[in-house]
Amino acid sequence: MAVSQSFARGRDFVALAKPRLNLLVVASTLVGYAMAPGEPLGLLRVAGLLLGTGLVAGGASAFNQVFERDLDAMMKRTRTRPLPDQRLQPMEGVLFGSAITIAGLLLIVTASNMIAGAVALATLLSYVVVYTPLKRRTSLGTVIGAIPGALPPIIGWAAVEGSLPVQAWTLFGIMFLWQLPHFLAIAWMYRDDYARAGYPMLPVLEPDGRSTGRQSVVYAAALVPLSLAPTLMRMTGVIYFAGALLLGLAFLYLAFRFARTRAVSDARRLFFGSILYLPLLWILMIANKI
């Protein structure tokens, strides 16, 4: 019985770090690393960089769940998380988040440099200190939350180059714009849950969904030309350009369809389309690097 209880508690601590969701953070860091033109770090240092980034992202998730445990308890999709379900206590979440965050930052700095560590720290602070409280107060929280969500490629680039040129910020911009239709689709699908918890999400404030659909189209449309910029900057070749164009137009079509119908089924299509879009774009980018 003691072994099973210990296993259950360990699983709850892992759940605080959201490892599956943070795989995208790690993958995006790897893309930034792969696209930077500097000297490779070597396998061991790259592993340290990626593990460190994953730990910092996990710490941010843990802190976020500590601060939002009261609202998580009101939502069907989150009320069984370890903190709202009281399987873990808030102080345990804080200590766990602090431990893996510190370990992650030390790993990043040791494996690469202080600039990469500083960007990782900025990612954590902007997510926990800025985005998390603003999410309760304004629908702009979605836009603000996309900033820390778009910083992982910058971490990877800085680890190699020790600088942050415009090419690195182009990767940031792609990930920033991608997140917004992705999160707006989620917000529409779970708008009743967000309303129950009192989150001022756009679909809650404007329940007809016109603004949600319109903004999804605007961000998806802006993503198309920006996703082509790596080729114009001579970071990638024509195969990437063609693939990025096709992916961008397909993503834009899904956004248009959602905006037109505002049906949950089309929001779900946009959501799953977004999940496919970014990994395929990253794969194309790395494969067609000049």
Protein backbone atom coordinates (compact mmCIF):
# COMPACT_ATOMS: atom_id res chain seq x y z
CA MET A 1 0.00 0.00 0.00
CA ALA A 2 2.82 2.42 0.88
CA VAL A 3 4.49 1.73 -2.47
CA SER A 4 1.28 2.40 -4.41
CA GLN A 5 0.69 5.62 -2.45
CA SER A 6 4.24 6.78 -3.14
CA PHE A 7 3.79 5.99 -6.83
CA ALA A 8 0.51 7.94 -6.91
CA ARG A 9 2.13 10.96 -5.26
CA GLY A 10 5.05 10.79 -7.67
CA ARG A 11 2.61 10.71 -10.58
CA ASP A 12 0.85 13.77 -9.16
CA PHE A 13 4.12 15.70 -8.98
CA VAL A 14 4.85 14.75 -12.58
CA ALA A 15 1.37 15.99 -13.53
CA LEU A 16 2.25 19.41 -12.07
CA ALA A 17 5.03 19.70 -14.65
CA LYS A 18 2.74 18.79 -17.60
CA PRO A 19 5.48 16.82 -19.40
CA ARG A 20 3.40 15.98 -22.49
CA LEU A 21 2.46 19.60 -23.15
CA ASN A 22 6.02 20.74 -22.51
CA LEU A 23 7.36 18.40 -25.18
CA LEU A 24 6.46 21.18 -27.63
CA VAL A 25 8.59 23.61 -25.60
CA VAL A 26 11.55 21.24 -25.79
CA ALA A 27 11.02 20.57 -29.50
CA SER A 28 10.84 24.29 -30.26
CA THR A 29 14.06 24.88 -28.33
CA LEU A 30 15.68 22.18 -30.45
CA VAL A 31 14.49 23.97 -33.61
CA GLY A 32 16.10 27.23 -32.48
CA TYR A 33 19.30 25.35 -31.74
CA ALA A 34 19.26 23.55 -35.10
CA MET A 35 18.63 26.71 -37.12
CA ALA A 36 21.36 28.80 -35.49
CA PRO A 37 24.53 28.93 -37.63
CA GLY A 38 27.11 28.64 -34.83
CA GLU A 39 29.26 25.75 -33.66
CA PRO A 40 27.29 22.68 -32.42
CA LEU A 41 27.34 22.16 -28.67
CA GLY A 42 27.80 18.40 -28.75
CA LEU A 43 25.33 15.71 -27.77
CA LEU A 44 25.80 15.91 -23.99
CA ARG A 45 25.42 19.69 -23.87
CA VAL A 46 22.40 19.63 -26.17
CA ALA A 47 20.80 17.04 -23.88
CA GLY A 48 21.49 19.32 -20.90
CA LEU A 49 19.99 22.30 -22.74
CA LEU A 50 16.82 20.43 -23.65
CA LEU A 51 16.41 18.81 -20.24
CA GLY A 52 16.99 22.17 -18.56
CA THR A 53 14.39 23.86 -20.78
CA GLY A 54 11.89 21.11 -20.02
CA LEU A 55 12.49 21.49 -16.27
CA VAL A 56 12.00 25.27 -16.38
CA ALA A 57 8.81 24.80 -18.40
CA GLY A 58 7.67 22.22 -15.86
CA GLY A 59 8.37 24.63 -13.02
CA ALA A 60 6.30 27.32 -14.74
CA SER A 61 3.43 24.84 -15.10
CA ALA A 62 3.67 23.91 -11.42
CA PHE A 63 3.61 27.54 -10.26
CA ASN A 64 0.69 28.25 -12.59
CA GLN A 65 -1.32 25.39 -11.09
CA VAL A 66 -0.56 26.59 -7.57
CA PHE A 67 -1.86 30.08 -8.31
CA GLU A 68 -4.90 28.88 -10.28
CA ARG A 69 -5.95 26.00 -8.04
CA ASP A 70 -9.13 27.80 -6.89
CA LEU A 71 -10.34 28.39 -10.45
CA ASP A 72 -9.18 24.97 -11.60
CA ALA A 73 -11.52 23.48 -8.99
CA MET A 74 -14.47 25.14 -10.77
CA MET A 75 -13.71 23.76 -14.23
CA LYS A 76 -14.65 20.26 -15.37
CA ARG A 77 -11.49 19.80 -17.41
CA THR A 78 -9.13 20.77 -14.55
CA ARG A 79 -10.87 19.96 -11.27
CA THR A 80 -9.18 16.56 -10.96
CA ARG A 81 -5.68 18.04 -11.07
CA PRO A 82 -3.58 17.27 -7.97
CA LEU A 83 -3.97 20.67 -6.29
CA PRO A 84 -7.71 21.38 -6.71
CA ASP A 85 -8.38 17.74 -5.83
CA GLN A 86 -6.20 18.27 -2.70
CA ARG A 87 -3.99 15.27 -3.42
CA LEU A 88 -1.07 17.70 -3.09
CA GLN A 89 -0.79 20.83 -0.98
CA PRO A 90 0.10 24.28 -2.36
CA MET A 91 3.44 24.42 -0.53
CA GLU A 92 4.39 21.08 -2.05
CA GLY A 93 3.67 22.55 -5.48
CA VAL A 94 5.79 25.62 -4.74
CA LEU A 95 8.72 23.57 -3.47
CA PHE A 96 8.54 21.17 -6.39
CA GLY A 97 8.29 24.01 -8.91
CA SER A 98 11.20 25.86 -7.30
CA ALA A 99 13.42 22.78 -7.26
CA ILE A 100 12.97 21.83 -10.90
CA THR A 101 13.17 25.46 -12.04
CA ILE A 102 16.51 26.04 -10.31
CA ALA A 103 17.85 22.74 -11.60
CA GLY A 104 16.70 23.61 -15.12
CA LEU A 105 18.28 27.06 -15.14
CA LEU A 106 21.57 25.68 -13.85
CA LEU A 107 21.53 22.99 -16.55
CA ILE A 108 20.89 25.54 -19.32
CA VAL A 109 23.68 27.86 -18.18
CA THR A 110 26.13 24.98 -17.69
CA ALA A 111 25.30 23.43 -21.06
CA SER A 112 25.32 26.69 -23.04
CA ASN A 113 25.62 30.25 -21.75
CA MET A 114 24.13 32.97 -19.57
CA ILE A 115 22.09 34.51 -22.40
CA ALA A 116 20.16 31.28 -22.96
CA GLY A 117 19.66 31.03 -19.20
CA ALA A 118 18.42 34.63 -19.05
CA VAL A 119 15.89 33.98 -21.83
CA ALA A 120 14.68 30.87 -19.99
CA LEU A 121 14.29 32.91 -16.81
CA ALA A 122 12.41 35.61 -18.73
CA THR A 123 10.13 32.91 -20.11
CA LEU A 124 9.36 31.67 -16.61
CA LEU A 125 8.76 35.14 -15.13
CA SER A 126 6.61 36.39 -17.99
CA TYR A 127 4.47 33.27 -17.73
CA VAL A 128 4.10 33.10 -13.96
CA VAL A 129 4.33 36.74 -12.86
CA VAL A 130 2.69 38.49 -15.84
CA TYR A 131 0.45 36.07 -17.76
CA THR A 132 -0.97 34.04 -14.86
CA PRO A 133 -2.50 37.00 -12.94
CA LEU A 134 -3.58 38.84 -16.09
CA LYS A 135 -5.45 35.77 -17.31
CA ARG A 136 -8.00 36.44 -14.55
CA ARG A 137 -8.46 40.09 -15.51
CA THR A 138 -8.46 40.56 -19.26
CA SER A 139 -9.07 38.72 -22.52
CA LEU A 140 -5.68 40.07 -23.64
CA GLY A 141 -4.16 37.45 -21.38
CA THR A 142 -4.25 35.08 -24.35
CA VAL A 143 -2.04 37.42 -26.39
CA ILE A 144 0.28 38.11 -23.47
CA GLY A 145 0.56 34.39 -22.70
CA ALA A 146 1.74 33.78 -26.26
CA ILE A 147 4.92 35.76 -25.52
CA PRO A 148 6.51 33.27 -23.08
CA GLY A 149 5.09 30.48 -25.22
CA ALA A 150 7.09 31.78 -28.20
CA LEU A 151 10.44 32.17 -26.43
CA PRO A 152 11.74 28.54 -26.51
CA PRO A 153 13.28 28.85 -30.04
CA ILE A 154 15.10 31.94 -28.76
CA ILE A 155 16.58 29.83 -25.94
CA GLY A 156 17.90 27.30 -28.45
CA TRP A 157 19.32 29.97 -30.77
CA ALA A 158 21.00 31.85 -27.93
CA ALA A 159 22.57 28.61 -26.69
CA VAL A 160 24.54 28.35 -29.94
CA GLU A 161 25.09 31.95 -30.97
CA GLY A 162 25.16 33.80 -27.67
CA SER A 163 23.18 36.53 -29.41
CA LEU A 164 19.62 37.22 -30.57
CA PRO A 165 19.59 38.38 -34.22
CA VAL A 166 16.50 39.05 -36.32
CA GLN A 167 16.47 35.45 -37.58
CA ALA A 168 15.89 34.21 -34.03
CA TRP A 169 13.04 36.67 -33.55
CA THR A 170 11.48 35.44 -36.79
CA LEU A 171 11.17 32.00 -35.19
CA PHE A 172 9.67 33.71 -32.14
CA GLY A 173 7.13 35.49 -34.37
CA ILE A 174 6.08 32.29 -36.11
CA MET A 175 5.43 30.54 -32.82
CA PHE A 176 3.70 33.62 -31.36
CA LEU A 177 1.20 33.89 -34.23
CA TRP A 178 0.62 30.13 -34.34
CA GLN A 179 -0.45 30.04 -30.69
CA LEU A 180 -3.30 32.52 -31.04
CA PRO A 181 -5.66 30.56 -33.34
CA HIS A 182 -4.67 27.47 -31.35
CA PHE A 183 -5.70 28.99 -28.02
CA LEU A 184 -8.79 30.76 -29.41
CA ALA A 185 -10.04 27.40 -30.67
CA ILE A 186 -9.52 25.92 -27.19
CA ALA A 187 -11.26 28.89 -25.58
CA TRP A 188 -14.28 28.44 -27.86
CA MET A 189 -14.47 24.70 -27.24
CA TYR A 190 -14.37 25.18 -23.45
CA ARG A 191 -16.09 28.56 -23.17
CA ASP A 192 -18.70 27.28 -20.71
CA ASP A 193 -15.96 25.96 -18.45
CA TYR A 194 -14.07 29.26 -18.60
CA ALA A 195 -17.29 31.16 -17.86
CA ARG A 196 -17.95 28.94 -14.85
CA ALA A 197 -14.53 29.82 -13.44
CA GLY A 198 -14.89 33.52 -14.24
CA TYR A 199 -12.07 33.76 -16.78
CA PRO A 200 -12.63 36.78 -19.08
CA MET A 201 -11.78 34.85 -22.24
CA LEU A 202 -12.90 36.40 -25.52
CA PRO A 203 -15.60 33.74 -26.17
CA VAL A 204 -16.97 34.42 -22.67
CA LEU A 205 -17.09 38.20 -23.11
CA GLU A 206 -18.49 37.98 -26.66
CA PRO A 207 -20.50 34.76 -26.79
CA ASP A 208 -21.58 35.13 -30.42
CA GLY A 209 -18.03 34.18 -31.41
CA ARG A 210 -17.63 36.75 -34.17
CA SER A 211 -14.55 38.36 -32.63
CA THR A 212 -13.07 34.96 -31.78
CA GLY A 213 -13.44 33.79 -35.36
CA ARG A 214 -12.24 37.07 -36.86
CA GLN A 215 -9.11 37.17 -34.72
CA SER A 216 -8.33 33.53 -35.55
CA VAL A 217 -8.39 34.44 -39.25
CA VAL A 218 -6.26 37.57 -38.77
CA TYR A 219 -3.54 35.73 -36.87
CA ALA A 220 -3.55 32.75 -39.24
CA ALA A 221 -3.34 35.13 -42.23
CA ALA A 222 -0.40 37.01 -40.69
CA LEU A 223 1.34 33.70 -40.08
CA VAL A 224 1.45 32.85 -43.81
CA PRO A 225 3.94 35.55 -44.92
CA LEU A 226 5.95 35.38 -41.71
CA SER A 227 6.39 31.62 -42.07
CA LEU A 228 7.96 32.27 -45.51
CA ALA A 229 10.51 34.73 -44.09
CA PRO A 230 13.16 32.07 -43.26
CA THR A 231 13.59 31.43 -46.99
CA LEU A 232 13.77 35.14 -47.77
CA MET A 233 16.46 35.40 -45.07
CA ARG A 234 18.32 32.49 -46.69
CA MET A 235 17.86 30.28 -43.66
CA THR A 236 15.96 27.67 -45.70
CA GLY A 237 15.46 26.64 -49.32
CA VAL A 238 12.59 26.52 -51.78
CA ILE A 239 11.25 23.17 -50.54
CA TYR A 240 10.57 24.73 -47.16
CA PHE A 241 9.03 27.78 -48.85
CA ALA A 242 6.57 25.64 -50.83
CA GLY A 243 5.72 23.45 -47.85
CA ALA A 244 5.28 26.41 -45.49
CA LEU A 245 2.98 28.09 -48.01
CA LEU A 246 0.79 25.01 -48.32
CA LEU A 247 0.68 24.48 -44.56
CA GLY A 248 -0.12 28.14 -43.95
CA LEU A 249 -2.95 28.19 -46.47
CA ALA A 250 -4.42 25.00 -45.01
CA PHE A 251 -4.26 26.48 -41.50
CA LEU A 252 -5.86 29.69 -42.78
CA TYR A 253 -8.66 27.68 -44.40
CA LEU A 254 -9.43 25.99 -41.07
CA ALA A 255 -9.53 29.40 -39.38
CA PHE A 256 -11.89 30.75 -42.08
CA ARG A 257 -14.14 27.74 -41.69
CA PHE A 258 -14.30 28.19 -37.94
CA ALA A 259 -14.98 31.93 -38.30
CA ARG A 260 -17.80 31.25 -40.74
CA THR A 261 -19.65 28.54 -38.77
CA ARG A 262 -18.40 29.10 -35.20
CA ALA A 263 -19.26 25.44 -34.63
CA VAL A 264 -17.48 23.46 -31.92
CA SER A 265 -16.63 20.83 -34.53
CA ASP A 266 -14.81 23.43 -36.64
CA ALA A 267 -13.05 24.82 -33.57
CA ARG A 268 -11.87 21.28 -32.90
CA ARG A 269 -10.65 20.96 -36.49
CA LEU A 270 -8.72 24.21 -36.12
CA PHE A 271 -7.25 22.96 -32.84
CA PHE A 272 -6.09 19.65 -34.30
CA GLY A 273 -4.89 21.41 -37.44
CA SER A 274 -2.73 23.66 -35.29
CA ILE A 275 -1.26 20.62 -33.54
CA LEU A 276 -0.21 19.23 -36.92
CA TYR A 277 0.91 22.54 -38.41
CA LEU A 278 3.76 23.51 -36.11
CA PRO A 279 5.65 20.17 -35.93
CA LEU A 280 5.38 19.79 -39.71
CA LEU A 281 6.68 23.32 -40.21
CA TRP A 282 9.60 22.74 -37.84
CA ILE A 283 10.47 19.45 -39.57
CA LEU A 284 10.42 21.16 -42.97
CA MET A 285 12.56 24.00 -41.66
CA ILE A 286 15.28 21.79 -40.22
CA ALA A 287 15.25 19.39 -43.18
CA ASN A 288 15.58 22.21 -45.73
CA LYS A 289 18.12 24.30 -43.82
CA ILE A 290 20.68 25.84 -46.16
